[in-house]
Amino acid sequence: MDQEDFDRLCRRVYSEVRAGALEYPDMFDLATAVLEVKPSDRDAAELATLSLDGVAVNWPRMMELGDAVLATACFELGLSEEPAQMAGLDDAMRLVNRDLSATGLPGCRLRFMDFDPDLDENRFVETWDGEFGTGSGVPSIAVADPVSALVAVAEDAQDAVMHTIWTAWPVCPAHRLGAHARRYREAAVWWCTGDGGHVAASVGHLPPGASRV
């Protein structure tokens, strides 16, 4: 089984565990794939055995083992497996679009891209002119919490916007320096390096003066 097939298998098992609708062949395939790499893994061995038992299975234990074996396989949750996370990114995009509107710019949107199999779970900010930044987009790991999601979307949006207008965006109204998204005191903010560093505004709350240079 190559890596792409294994990743698809992990996604199926993850969805099955969350739905409480386990498929024995998928569980067995996952367990044996992990055992090929880690022959002494007890969770994988137990999962393989239970998968062969069929109707005699302990369902709660199977789901517990499914989670454990996915963790052993270093499965990284993708956006397609958690619709709530995708909704969180859409909320973040709306906040960033408020900042764009406050500075006189049109809005952006989030898109999945299929140009690179390694990034097919990431979402990318696309500007009103169809431009993208040069980064790898917003990865699934960035949406662990609302603040991380907002910072990640703001960063990708800033990259894409500056590739569209070819100047700094946004800028600190006080220092006229380009501000950058970051986490500060458990909030997503636009950070200015002027006077030793300070919050120019919270993401989603840029004043009209924070426009282009």
N, C-alpha and C. Protein backbone atom coordinates (compact mmCIF):
# COMPACT_ATOMS: atom_id res chain seq x y z
N MET A 1 0.85 -1.19 0.00
CA MET A 1 0.00 0.00 0.00
C MET A 1 0.88 1.24 0.00
N ASP A 2 0.69 2.12 -0.98
CA ASP A 2 1.50 3.33 -1.02
C ASP A 2 0.92 4.37 -0.07
N GLN A 3 1.63 5.49 0.09
CA GLN A 3 1.25 6.49 1.07
C GLN A 3 -0.12 7.11 0.76
N GLU A 4 -0.39 7.33 -0.51
CA GLU A 4 -1.67 7.94 -0.89
C GLU A 4 -2.83 7.02 -0.52
N ASP A 5 -2.69 5.72 -0.80
CA ASP A 5 -3.74 4.76 -0.45
C ASP A 5 -3.90 4.67 1.06
N PHE A 6 -2.77 4.71 1.77
CA PHE A 6 -2.82 4.64 3.23
C PHE A 6 -3.52 5.86 3.81
N ASP A 7 -3.25 7.03 3.27
CA ASP A 7 -3.91 8.25 3.75
C ASP A 7 -5.42 8.17 3.53
N ARG A 8 -5.82 7.65 2.37
CA ARG A 8 -7.26 7.51 2.10
C ARG A 8 -7.90 6.53 3.08
N LEU A 9 -7.17 5.44 3.38
CA LEU A 9 -7.67 4.46 4.34
C LEU A 9 -7.84 5.10 5.71
N CYS A 10 -6.86 5.88 6.14
CA CYS A 10 -6.95 6.55 7.44
C CYS A 10 -8.15 7.48 7.49
N ARG A 11 -8.40 8.20 6.41
CA ARG A 11 -9.55 9.11 6.38
C ARG A 11 -10.87 8.34 6.49
N ARG A 12 -10.94 7.21 5.81
CA ARG A 12 -12.16 6.40 5.89
C ARG A 12 -12.37 5.90 7.31
N VAL A 13 -11.31 5.39 7.92
CA VAL A 13 -11.43 4.86 9.28
C VAL A 13 -11.82 5.97 10.25
N TYR A 14 -11.22 7.13 10.09
CA TYR A 14 -11.56 8.26 10.96
C TYR A 14 -13.04 8.58 10.86
N SER A 15 -13.55 8.67 9.64
CA SER A 15 -14.96 8.99 9.43
C SER A 15 -15.86 7.89 9.98
N GLU A 16 -15.44 6.64 9.82
CA GLU A 16 -16.24 5.52 10.32
C GLU A 16 -16.30 5.52 11.85
N VAL A 17 -15.17 5.80 12.48
CA VAL A 17 -15.14 5.85 13.94
C VAL A 17 -16.05 6.96 14.44
N ARG A 18 -15.98 8.14 13.80
CA ARG A 18 -16.80 9.27 14.25
C ARG A 18 -18.29 8.99 14.03
N ALA A 19 -18.61 8.25 12.98
CA ALA A 19 -20.02 7.96 12.69
C ALA A 19 -20.52 6.73 13.44
N GLY A 20 -19.61 6.00 14.09
CA GLY A 20 -20.01 4.78 14.78
C GLY A 20 -20.45 3.69 13.82
N ALA A 21 -19.91 3.72 12.61
CA ALA A 21 -20.29 2.74 11.57
C ALA A 21 -19.02 2.10 11.03
N LEU A 22 -18.42 1.24 11.83
CA LEU A 22 -17.14 0.66 11.47
C LEU A 22 -17.28 -0.38 10.35
N GLU A 23 -16.29 -0.39 9.49
CA GLU A 23 -16.21 -1.38 8.42
C GLU A 23 -15.05 -2.31 8.74
N TYR A 24 -15.35 -3.60 8.94
CA TYR A 24 -14.31 -4.55 9.33
C TYR A 24 -13.10 -4.56 8.39
N PRO A 25 -13.32 -4.59 7.06
CA PRO A 25 -12.14 -4.63 6.17
C PRO A 25 -11.23 -3.42 6.34
N ASP A 26 -11.82 -2.24 6.50
CA ASP A 26 -11.00 -1.04 6.68
C ASP A 26 -10.20 -1.11 7.98
N MET A 27 -10.85 -1.56 9.05
CA MET A 27 -10.16 -1.68 10.33
C MET A 27 -9.02 -2.69 10.24
N PHE A 28 -9.30 -3.80 9.60
CA PHE A 28 -8.27 -4.83 9.47
C PHE A 28 -7.11 -4.33 8.62
N ASP A 29 -7.43 -3.67 7.51
CA ASP A 29 -6.37 -3.14 6.63
C ASP A 29 -5.51 -2.12 7.35
N LEU A 30 -6.15 -1.25 8.15
CA LEU A 30 -5.37 -0.26 8.90
C LEU A 30 -4.46 -0.95 9.91
N ALA A 31 -5.02 -1.90 10.64
CA ALA A 31 -4.23 -2.60 11.66
C ALA A 31 -3.04 -3.32 11.04
N THR A 32 -3.25 -4.05 9.95
CA THR A 32 -2.15 -4.80 9.35
C THR A 32 -1.11 -3.86 8.72
N ALA A 33 -1.56 -2.73 8.20
CA ALA A 33 -0.60 -1.77 7.64
C ALA A 33 0.31 -1.23 8.72
N VAL A 34 -0.25 -0.94 9.90
CA VAL A 34 0.57 -0.45 11.01
C VAL A 34 1.47 -1.57 11.52
N LEU A 35 0.97 -2.79 11.57
CA LEU A 35 1.78 -3.91 12.07
C LEU A 35 2.97 -4.21 11.16
N GLU A 36 2.85 -3.89 9.89
CA GLU A 36 3.99 -4.09 8.99
C GLU A 36 5.16 -3.20 9.39
N VAL A 37 4.84 -2.04 9.93
CA VAL A 37 5.89 -1.10 10.33
C VAL A 37 6.25 -1.29 11.80
N LYS A 38 5.23 -1.58 12.62
CA LYS A 38 5.44 -1.76 14.06
C LYS A 38 4.82 -3.09 14.50
N PRO A 39 5.54 -4.20 14.27
CA PRO A 39 4.99 -5.54 14.55
C PRO A 39 4.58 -5.76 16.00
N SER A 40 5.16 -4.99 16.93
CA SER A 40 4.86 -5.20 18.35
C SER A 40 3.75 -4.30 18.87
N ASP A 41 3.11 -3.54 17.99
CA ASP A 41 2.06 -2.62 18.44
C ASP A 41 0.84 -3.41 18.92
N ARG A 42 0.55 -3.30 20.21
CA ARG A 42 -0.52 -4.11 20.80
C ARG A 42 -1.91 -3.66 20.34
N ASP A 43 -2.09 -2.35 20.22
CA ASP A 43 -3.40 -1.85 19.78
C ASP A 43 -3.73 -2.33 18.37
N ALA A 44 -2.74 -2.26 17.48
CA ALA A 44 -2.96 -2.71 16.11
C ALA A 44 -3.23 -4.21 16.07
N ALA A 45 -2.51 -4.98 16.88
CA ALA A 45 -2.72 -6.43 16.91
C ALA A 45 -4.13 -6.76 17.42
N GLU A 46 -4.56 -6.06 18.47
CA GLU A 46 -5.91 -6.31 19.00
C GLU A 46 -6.97 -5.90 17.99
N LEU A 47 -6.74 -4.77 17.30
CA LEU A 47 -7.70 -4.31 16.31
C LEU A 47 -7.82 -5.31 15.17
N ALA A 48 -6.70 -5.86 14.74
CA ALA A 48 -6.74 -6.86 13.67
C ALA A 48 -7.53 -8.09 14.11
N THR A 49 -7.33 -8.52 15.34
CA THR A 49 -8.05 -9.70 15.86
C THR A 49 -9.54 -9.44 15.95
N LEU A 50 -9.91 -8.29 16.51
CA LEU A 50 -11.32 -7.96 16.65
C LEU A 50 -12.00 -7.80 15.29
N SER A 51 -11.25 -7.28 14.33
CA SER A 51 -11.82 -7.10 12.98
C SER A 51 -12.17 -8.43 12.35
N LEU A 52 -11.46 -9.48 12.70
CA LEU A 52 -11.73 -10.81 12.16
C LEU A 52 -12.86 -11.51 12.90
N ASP A 53 -13.18 -11.02 14.11
CA ASP A 53 -14.23 -11.67 14.91
C ASP A 53 -15.63 -11.36 14.41
N GLY A 54 -15.76 -10.33 13.60
CA GLY A 54 -17.06 -10.00 13.01
C GLY A 54 -18.11 -9.62 14.03
N VAL A 55 -19.23 -10.34 14.05
CA VAL A 55 -20.36 -9.95 14.89
C VAL A 55 -20.05 -10.03 16.38
N ALA A 56 -19.00 -10.74 16.75
CA ALA A 56 -18.68 -10.87 18.18
C ALA A 56 -17.87 -9.70 18.70
N VAL A 57 -17.80 -8.62 17.92
CA VAL A 57 -16.92 -7.53 18.26
C VAL A 57 -17.46 -6.68 19.41
N ASN A 58 -16.53 -6.11 20.16
CA ASN A 58 -16.85 -5.13 21.19
C ASN A 58 -16.75 -3.75 20.54
N TRP A 59 -17.91 -3.17 20.19
CA TRP A 59 -17.91 -1.94 19.40
C TRP A 59 -17.19 -0.77 20.09
N PRO A 60 -17.47 -0.49 21.36
CA PRO A 60 -16.74 0.61 22.01
C PRO A 60 -15.23 0.40 21.99
N ARG A 61 -14.81 -0.84 22.20
CA ARG A 61 -13.38 -1.13 22.19
C ARG A 61 -12.81 -0.95 20.78
N MET A 62 -13.56 -1.35 19.77
CA MET A 62 -13.11 -1.17 18.39
C MET A 62 -12.89 0.30 18.07
N MET A 63 -13.83 1.15 18.49
CA MET A 63 -13.70 2.58 18.22
C MET A 63 -12.51 3.17 18.97
N GLU A 64 -12.32 2.70 20.19
CA GLU A 64 -11.17 3.16 20.98
C GLU A 64 -9.86 2.76 20.31
N LEU A 65 -9.82 1.53 19.83
CA LEU A 65 -8.60 1.05 19.16
C LEU A 65 -8.40 1.76 17.82
N GLY A 66 -9.49 2.03 17.13
CA GLY A 66 -9.37 2.76 15.87
C GLY A 66 -8.68 4.10 16.07
N ASP A 67 -9.11 4.83 17.10
CA ASP A 67 -8.47 6.12 17.42
C ASP A 67 -7.00 5.93 17.77
N ALA A 68 -6.71 4.91 18.58
CA ALA A 68 -5.34 4.68 19.03
C ALA A 68 -4.42 4.34 17.85
N VAL A 69 -4.90 3.50 16.94
CA VAL A 69 -4.08 3.10 15.80
C VAL A 69 -3.89 4.26 14.83
N LEU A 70 -4.91 5.09 14.67
CA LEU A 70 -4.75 6.29 13.84
C LEU A 70 -3.67 7.20 14.41
N ALA A 71 -3.65 7.33 15.75
CA ALA A 71 -2.62 8.15 16.39
C ALA A 71 -1.24 7.54 16.17
N THR A 72 -1.15 6.21 16.26
CA THR A 72 0.12 5.53 16.01
C THR A 72 0.59 5.77 14.58
N ALA A 73 -0.38 5.82 13.65
CA ALA A 73 -0.05 6.04 12.24
C ALA A 73 0.24 7.49 11.93
N CYS A 74 0.15 8.34 12.97
CA CYS A 74 0.41 9.79 12.81
C CYS A 74 -0.55 10.40 11.79
N PHE A 75 -1.81 9.94 11.83
CA PHE A 75 -2.82 10.50 10.94
C PHE A 75 -3.10 11.94 11.32
N GLU A 76 -2.99 12.82 10.33
CA GLU A 76 -3.27 14.24 10.55
C GLU A 76 -4.65 14.55 10.03
N LEU A 77 -5.50 15.04 10.92
CA LEU A 77 -6.87 15.35 10.55
C LEU A 77 -6.92 16.34 9.41
N GLY A 78 -7.71 16.03 8.39
CA GLY A 78 -7.87 16.92 7.27
C GLY A 78 -9.16 17.72 7.39
N LEU A 79 -9.23 18.84 6.68
CA LEU A 79 -10.41 19.69 6.76
C LEU A 79 -11.65 18.97 6.27
N SER A 80 -11.50 18.07 5.32
CA SER A 80 -12.67 17.39 4.78
C SER A 80 -13.30 16.45 5.80
N GLU A 81 -12.56 16.05 6.86
CA GLU A 81 -13.11 15.16 7.87
C GLU A 81 -13.89 15.90 8.95
N GLU A 82 -13.69 17.21 9.06
CA GLU A 82 -14.36 17.97 10.11
C GLU A 82 -15.04 19.19 9.52
N PRO A 83 -16.30 19.10 9.11
CA PRO A 83 -17.00 20.25 8.55
C PRO A 83 -17.02 21.44 9.48
N ALA A 84 -17.04 21.20 10.80
CA ALA A 84 -17.06 22.33 11.74
C ALA A 84 -15.79 23.16 11.62
N GLN A 85 -14.67 22.50 11.33
CA GLN A 85 -13.43 23.24 11.16
C GLN A 85 -13.49 24.10 9.90
N MET A 86 -14.07 23.56 8.85
CA MET A 86 -14.20 24.34 7.63
C MET A 86 -15.08 25.56 7.88
N ALA A 87 -16.14 25.40 8.67
CA ALA A 87 -16.99 26.53 9.00
C ALA A 87 -16.22 27.57 9.79
N GLY A 88 -15.29 27.10 10.65
CA GLY A 88 -14.47 28.03 11.41
C GLY A 88 -13.57 28.85 10.52
N LEU A 89 -13.06 28.25 9.46
CA LEU A 89 -12.23 28.99 8.52
C LEU A 89 -13.06 30.01 7.75
N ASP A 90 -14.28 29.65 7.42
CA ASP A 90 -15.16 30.59 6.73
C ASP A 90 -15.46 31.79 7.63
N ASP A 91 -15.64 31.54 8.93
CA ASP A 91 -15.84 32.64 9.87
C ASP A 91 -14.61 33.54 9.91
N ALA A 92 -13.43 32.92 9.89
CA ALA A 92 -12.19 33.70 9.90
C ALA A 92 -12.07 34.54 8.64
N MET A 93 -12.46 33.97 7.50
CA MET A 93 -12.39 34.71 6.24
C MET A 93 -13.32 35.92 6.28
N ARG A 94 -14.48 35.77 6.91
CA ARG A 94 -15.40 36.90 7.02
C ARG A 94 -14.78 38.04 7.84
N LEU A 95 -14.07 37.71 8.91
CA LEU A 95 -13.42 38.74 9.72
C LEU A 95 -12.32 39.45 8.93
N VAL A 96 -11.52 38.68 8.21
CA VAL A 96 -10.46 39.29 7.41
C VAL A 96 -11.07 40.17 6.31
N ASN A 97 -12.17 39.75 5.75
CA ASN A 97 -12.83 40.56 4.73
C ASN A 97 -13.36 41.88 5.30
N ARG A 98 -13.69 41.88 6.59
CA ARG A 98 -14.07 43.15 7.22
C ARG A 98 -12.90 44.12 7.21
N ASP A 99 -11.70 43.59 7.44
CA ASP A 99 -10.51 44.44 7.40
C ASP A 99 -10.25 44.95 5.99
N LEU A 100 -10.45 44.08 5.01
CA LEU A 100 -10.27 44.51 3.63
C LEU A 100 -11.26 45.62 3.28
N SER A 101 -12.49 45.44 3.68
CA SER A 101 -13.52 46.46 3.41
C SER A 101 -13.18 47.77 4.10
N ALA A 102 -12.68 47.70 5.33
CA ALA A 102 -12.33 48.91 6.08
C ALA A 102 -11.21 49.70 5.40
N THR A 103 -10.40 49.00 4.63
CA THR A 103 -9.28 49.66 3.95
C THR A 103 -9.55 49.88 2.47
N GLY A 104 -10.81 49.75 2.08
CA GLY A 104 -11.20 50.08 0.71
C GLY A 104 -10.90 49.03 -0.33
N LEU A 105 -10.72 47.78 0.09
CA LEU A 105 -10.41 46.70 -0.85
C LEU A 105 -11.56 45.70 -0.92
N PRO A 106 -11.73 45.04 -2.08
CA PRO A 106 -12.78 44.01 -2.20
C PRO A 106 -12.44 42.80 -1.33
N GLY A 107 -13.40 41.90 -1.23
CA GLY A 107 -13.20 40.73 -0.39
C GLY A 107 -12.46 39.60 -1.08
N CYS A 108 -12.07 38.61 -0.29
CA CYS A 108 -11.39 37.40 -0.78
C CYS A 108 -12.25 36.19 -0.43
N ARG A 109 -11.83 35.04 -0.91
CA ARG A 109 -12.52 33.80 -0.58
C ARG A 109 -11.50 32.69 -0.38
N LEU A 110 -11.94 31.61 0.29
CA LEU A 110 -11.10 30.44 0.52
C LEU A 110 -11.43 29.37 -0.51
N ARG A 111 -10.38 28.71 -1.01
CA ARG A 111 -10.56 27.66 -2.01
C ARG A 111 -9.66 26.47 -1.71
N PHE A 112 -10.17 25.28 -2.05
CA PHE A 112 -9.29 24.11 -2.11
C PHE A 112 -8.58 24.14 -3.46
N MET A 113 -7.38 23.62 -3.49
CA MET A 113 -6.61 23.56 -4.72
C MET A 113 -6.21 22.12 -4.98
N ASP A 114 -6.01 21.75 -6.24
CA ASP A 114 -5.62 20.38 -6.56
C ASP A 114 -4.31 20.33 -7.34
N PHE A 115 -3.50 21.38 -7.20
CA PHE A 115 -2.27 21.42 -7.97
C PHE A 115 -1.15 20.62 -7.33
N ASP A 116 -1.28 20.28 -6.05
CA ASP A 116 -0.22 19.57 -5.35
C ASP A 116 -0.86 18.57 -4.40
N PRO A 117 -0.68 17.25 -4.61
CA PRO A 117 -1.29 16.25 -3.74
C PRO A 117 -0.91 16.41 -2.28
N ASP A 118 0.26 16.97 -2.00
CA ASP A 118 0.68 17.16 -0.61
C ASP A 118 -0.07 18.28 0.08
N LEU A 119 -0.75 19.13 -0.71
CA LEU A 119 -1.45 20.28 -0.13
C LEU A 119 -2.95 20.23 -0.40
N ASP A 120 -3.46 19.07 -0.81
CA ASP A 120 -4.85 19.02 -1.23
C ASP A 120 -5.84 19.16 -0.09
N GLU A 121 -5.37 19.11 1.17
CA GLU A 121 -6.25 19.33 2.31
C GLU A 121 -6.19 20.78 2.78
N ASN A 122 -5.28 21.56 2.22
CA ASN A 122 -5.16 22.96 2.61
C ASN A 122 -6.15 23.83 1.86
N ARG A 123 -6.49 24.94 2.44
CA ARG A 123 -7.32 25.92 1.75
C ARG A 123 -6.47 27.16 1.50
N PHE A 124 -6.76 27.83 0.41
CA PHE A 124 -5.97 28.99 -0.02
C PHE A 124 -6.87 30.20 -0.18
N VAL A 125 -6.34 31.37 0.20
CA VAL A 125 -7.08 32.61 0.01
C VAL A 125 -6.89 33.09 -1.43
N GLU A 126 -7.99 33.33 -2.09
CA GLU A 126 -7.97 33.86 -3.45
C GLU A 126 -8.53 35.28 -3.42
N THR A 127 -7.82 36.22 -4.03
CA THR A 127 -8.28 37.60 -4.04
C THR A 127 -9.35 37.81 -5.11
N TRP A 128 -9.91 39.02 -5.10
CA TRP A 128 -10.93 39.39 -6.07
C TRP A 128 -10.42 39.34 -7.50
N ASP A 129 -9.09 39.39 -7.69
CA ASP A 129 -8.49 39.32 -9.02
C ASP A 129 -8.00 37.92 -9.37
N GLY A 130 -8.33 36.95 -8.52
CA GLY A 130 -7.91 35.58 -8.78
C GLY A 130 -6.47 35.29 -8.43
N GLU A 131 -5.86 36.14 -7.59
CA GLU A 131 -4.46 35.94 -7.19
C GLU A 131 -4.37 35.11 -5.92
N PHE A 132 -3.25 34.40 -5.78
CA PHE A 132 -2.94 33.65 -4.57
C PHE A 132 -1.57 34.08 -4.08
N GLY A 133 -1.29 33.78 -2.83
CA GLY A 133 0.04 34.06 -2.30
C GLY A 133 1.03 32.99 -2.72
N THR A 134 2.22 33.06 -2.16
CA THR A 134 3.27 32.09 -2.50
C THR A 134 3.44 31.02 -1.43
N GLY A 135 2.62 31.08 -0.39
CA GLY A 135 2.74 30.11 0.69
C GLY A 135 1.98 28.82 0.40
N SER A 136 1.88 27.98 1.42
CA SER A 136 1.23 26.68 1.28
C SER A 136 -0.21 26.70 1.75
N GLY A 137 -0.79 27.89 1.90
CA GLY A 137 -2.19 27.99 2.28
C GLY A 137 -2.41 27.79 3.76
N VAL A 138 -3.65 27.43 4.10
CA VAL A 138 -4.04 27.22 5.50
C VAL A 138 -4.14 25.72 5.75
N PRO A 139 -3.19 25.12 6.47
CA PRO A 139 -3.21 23.67 6.69
C PRO A 139 -4.23 23.28 7.75
N SER A 140 -4.60 22.02 7.75
CA SER A 140 -5.59 21.54 8.71
C SER A 140 -5.13 21.72 10.15
N ILE A 141 -3.83 21.61 10.38
CA ILE A 141 -3.32 21.74 11.75
C ILE A 141 -3.52 23.14 12.31
N ALA A 142 -3.72 24.13 11.43
CA ALA A 142 -3.86 25.51 11.87
C ALA A 142 -5.24 25.81 12.42
N VAL A 143 -6.19 24.89 12.27
CA VAL A 143 -7.54 25.18 12.70
C VAL A 143 -7.88 24.50 14.02
N ALA A 144 -6.87 24.25 14.84
CA ALA A 144 -7.09 23.60 16.11
C ALA A 144 -7.96 24.43 17.04
N ASP A 145 -7.92 25.74 16.90
CA ASP A 145 -8.75 26.63 17.70
C ASP A 145 -9.04 27.88 16.89
N PRO A 146 -10.04 28.68 17.27
CA PRO A 146 -10.43 29.85 16.48
C PRO A 146 -9.33 30.88 16.29
N VAL A 147 -8.49 31.06 17.30
CA VAL A 147 -7.41 32.06 17.18
C VAL A 147 -6.39 31.61 16.15
N SER A 148 -5.98 30.35 16.22
CA SER A 148 -5.02 29.82 15.25
C SER A 148 -5.59 29.90 13.83
N ALA A 149 -6.87 29.59 13.69
CA ALA A 149 -7.51 29.64 12.37
C ALA A 149 -7.51 31.06 11.83
N LEU A 150 -7.83 32.03 12.68
CA LEU A 150 -7.90 33.42 12.23
C LEU A 150 -6.52 33.95 11.85
N VAL A 151 -5.50 33.60 12.63
CA VAL A 151 -4.14 34.03 12.29
C VAL A 151 -3.71 33.42 10.96
N ALA A 152 -3.99 32.13 10.77
CA ALA A 152 -3.57 31.45 9.54
C ALA A 152 -4.26 32.04 8.32
N VAL A 153 -5.55 32.32 8.41
CA VAL A 153 -6.28 32.89 7.28
C VAL A 153 -5.80 34.31 7.02
N ALA A 154 -5.57 35.08 8.08
CA ALA A 154 -5.09 36.46 7.91
C ALA A 154 -3.71 36.48 7.24
N GLU A 155 -2.84 35.56 7.63
CA GLU A 155 -1.50 35.50 7.03
C GLU A 155 -1.59 35.18 5.54
N ASP A 156 -2.41 34.17 5.20
CA ASP A 156 -2.50 33.79 3.79
C ASP A 156 -3.19 34.88 2.98
N ALA A 157 -4.18 35.54 3.58
CA ALA A 157 -4.86 36.63 2.89
C ALA A 157 -3.90 37.79 2.63
N GLN A 158 -3.10 38.12 3.63
CA GLN A 158 -2.14 39.21 3.46
C GLN A 158 -1.19 38.92 2.31
N ASP A 159 -0.69 37.70 2.25
CA ASP A 159 0.22 37.31 1.18
C ASP A 159 -0.45 37.46 -0.18
N ALA A 160 -1.69 36.96 -0.28
CA ALA A 160 -2.40 37.02 -1.56
C ALA A 160 -2.73 38.47 -1.95
N VAL A 161 -3.16 39.25 -0.97
CA VAL A 161 -3.53 40.65 -1.25
C VAL A 161 -2.32 41.44 -1.72
N MET A 162 -1.19 41.25 -1.07
CA MET A 162 -0.01 42.03 -1.45
C MET A 162 0.51 41.62 -2.83
N HIS A 163 0.22 40.37 -3.24
CA HIS A 163 0.58 39.97 -4.60
C HIS A 163 -0.39 40.57 -5.63
N THR A 164 -1.50 41.09 -5.15
CA THR A 164 -2.47 41.72 -6.04
C THR A 164 -2.23 43.22 -6.15
N ILE A 165 -1.98 43.88 -5.00
CA ILE A 165 -1.86 45.35 -5.02
C ILE A 165 -0.40 45.81 -5.07
N TRP A 166 0.53 44.87 -4.87
CA TRP A 166 1.96 45.16 -4.93
C TRP A 166 2.39 46.29 -4.00
N THR A 167 1.86 46.24 -2.80
CA THR A 167 2.31 47.14 -1.74
C THR A 167 1.90 46.52 -0.41
N ALA A 168 2.40 47.08 0.68
CA ALA A 168 2.12 46.50 2.00
C ALA A 168 0.64 46.64 2.36
N TRP A 169 0.12 45.61 2.97
CA TRP A 169 -1.24 45.64 3.50
C TRP A 169 -1.33 44.63 4.62
N PRO A 170 -1.97 44.99 5.76
CA PRO A 170 -2.38 46.35 6.14
C PRO A 170 -1.19 47.10 6.74
N VAL A 171 -1.38 48.38 7.04
CA VAL A 171 -0.32 49.15 7.67
C VAL A 171 -0.82 49.73 8.98
N CYS A 172 0.10 49.93 9.89
CA CYS A 172 -0.24 50.52 11.19
C CYS A 172 -0.57 52.00 10.99
N PRO A 173 -1.73 52.47 11.43
CA PRO A 173 -2.08 53.88 11.27
C PRO A 173 -1.11 54.83 11.96
N ALA A 174 -0.51 54.37 13.06
CA ALA A 174 0.38 55.25 13.84
C ALA A 174 1.77 55.35 13.22
N HIS A 175 2.30 54.24 12.72
CA HIS A 175 3.69 54.22 12.25
C HIS A 175 3.84 54.06 10.74
N ARG A 176 2.74 53.80 10.05
CA ARG A 176 2.78 53.59 8.60
C ARG A 176 3.71 52.45 8.20
N LEU A 177 3.79 51.45 9.06
CA LEU A 177 4.58 50.25 8.80
C LEU A 177 3.64 49.09 8.52
N GLY A 178 4.09 48.17 7.69
CA GLY A 178 3.28 46.99 7.44
C GLY A 178 3.07 46.18 8.71
N ALA A 179 1.84 45.78 8.97
CA ALA A 179 1.53 44.97 10.14
C ALA A 179 1.40 43.51 9.72
N HIS A 180 1.60 42.60 10.67
CA HIS A 180 1.55 41.17 10.38
C HIS A 180 0.67 40.46 11.40
N ALA A 181 -0.02 39.44 10.94
CA ALA A 181 -0.91 38.68 11.82
C ALA A 181 -0.10 37.83 12.78
N ARG A 182 -0.56 37.80 14.02
CA ARG A 182 0.08 36.95 15.01
C ARG A 182 -0.88 36.71 16.17
N ARG A 183 -0.53 35.74 16.99
CA ARG A 183 -1.29 35.46 18.22
C ARG A 183 -0.69 36.29 19.35
N TYR A 184 -1.53 37.01 20.05
CA TYR A 184 -1.04 37.84 21.15
C TYR A 184 -2.11 37.85 22.24
N ARG A 185 -1.73 37.37 23.42
CA ARG A 185 -2.65 37.31 24.56
C ARG A 185 -3.96 36.62 24.18
N GLU A 186 -3.80 35.47 23.54
CA GLU A 186 -4.92 34.61 23.15
C GLU A 186 -5.91 35.30 22.22
N ALA A 187 -5.39 36.18 21.38
CA ALA A 187 -6.22 36.83 20.37
C ALA A 187 -5.43 36.93 19.08
N ALA A 188 -6.13 37.02 17.96
CA ALA A 188 -5.49 37.21 16.65
C ALA A 188 -5.41 38.71 16.40
N VAL A 189 -4.21 39.21 16.17
CA VAL A 189 -4.02 40.66 16.03
C VAL A 189 -3.13 40.96 14.83
N TRP A 190 -3.22 42.21 14.38
CA TRP A 190 -2.26 42.75 13.43
C TRP A 190 -1.18 43.45 14.25
N TRP A 191 0.05 42.98 14.13
CA TRP A 191 1.15 43.43 14.97
C TRP A 191 2.08 44.36 14.20
N CYS A 192 2.37 45.51 14.80
CA CYS A 192 3.29 46.48 14.22
C CYS A 192 4.60 46.45 15.01
N THR A 193 5.72 46.56 14.33
CA THR A 193 7.02 46.52 15.02
C THR A 193 7.48 47.91 15.48
N GLY A 194 6.70 48.95 15.19
CA GLY A 194 7.08 50.30 15.61
C GLY A 194 7.11 50.46 17.12
N ASP A 195 8.06 51.27 17.60
CA ASP A 195 8.19 51.55 19.05
C ASP A 195 8.29 50.29 19.88
N GLY A 196 9.04 49.31 19.37
CA GLY A 196 9.26 48.09 20.14
C GLY A 196 8.20 47.03 19.96
N GLY A 197 7.18 47.33 19.18
CA GLY A 197 6.13 46.35 18.90
C GLY A 197 4.85 46.63 19.66
N HIS A 198 3.72 46.59 18.96
CA HIS A 198 2.43 46.82 19.60
C HIS A 198 1.32 46.30 18.70
N VAL A 199 0.13 46.17 19.26
CA VAL A 199 -1.04 45.74 18.50
C VAL A 199 -1.59 46.92 17.72
N ALA A 200 -1.62 46.79 16.40
CA ALA A 200 -2.21 47.84 15.58
C ALA A 200 -3.73 47.73 15.61
N ALA A 201 -4.24 46.51 15.63
CA ALA A 201 -5.69 46.26 15.71
C ALA A 201 -5.89 44.76 15.84
N SER A 202 -7.03 44.37 16.36
CA SER A 202 -7.41 42.97 16.32
C SER A 202 -7.81 42.62 14.89
N VAL A 203 -7.54 41.39 14.48
CA VAL A 203 -7.95 40.98 13.14
C VAL A 203 -9.48 41.04 13.07
N GLY A 204 -9.98 41.72 12.05
CA GLY A 204 -11.41 41.93 11.92
C GLY A 204 -11.87 43.28 12.41
N HIS A 205 -10.92 44.05 12.98
CA HIS A 205 -11.28 45.36 13.54
C HIS A 205 -10.28 46.44 13.14
N LEU A 206 -9.77 46.36 11.93
CA LEU A 206 -8.87 47.40 11.45
C LEU A 206 -9.63 48.72 11.28
N PRO A 207 -9.01 49.82 11.71
CA PRO A 207 -9.64 51.11 11.46
C PRO A 207 -9.43 51.52 10.01
N PRO A 208 -10.24 52.43 9.49
CA PRO A 208 -10.08 52.85 8.09
C PRO A 208 -8.71 53.39 7.77
N GLY A 209 -7.99 53.90 8.76
CA GLY A 209 -6.66 54.47 8.50
C GLY A 209 -5.59 53.44 8.22
N ALA A 210 -5.89 52.17 8.45
CA ALA A 210 -4.89 51.11 8.27
C ALA A 210 -4.88 50.62 6.84
N SER A 211 -4.80 51.53 5.91
CA SER A 211 -4.88 51.17 4.50
C SER A 211 -3.51 50.90 3.93
N ARG A 212 -3.40 50.97 2.62
CA ARG A 212 -2.12 50.72 1.97
C ARG A 212 -1.14 51.85 2.24
N VAL A 213 0.16 51.55 2.09
CA VAL A 213 1.20 52.57 2.26
C VAL A 213 1.05 53.60 1.16
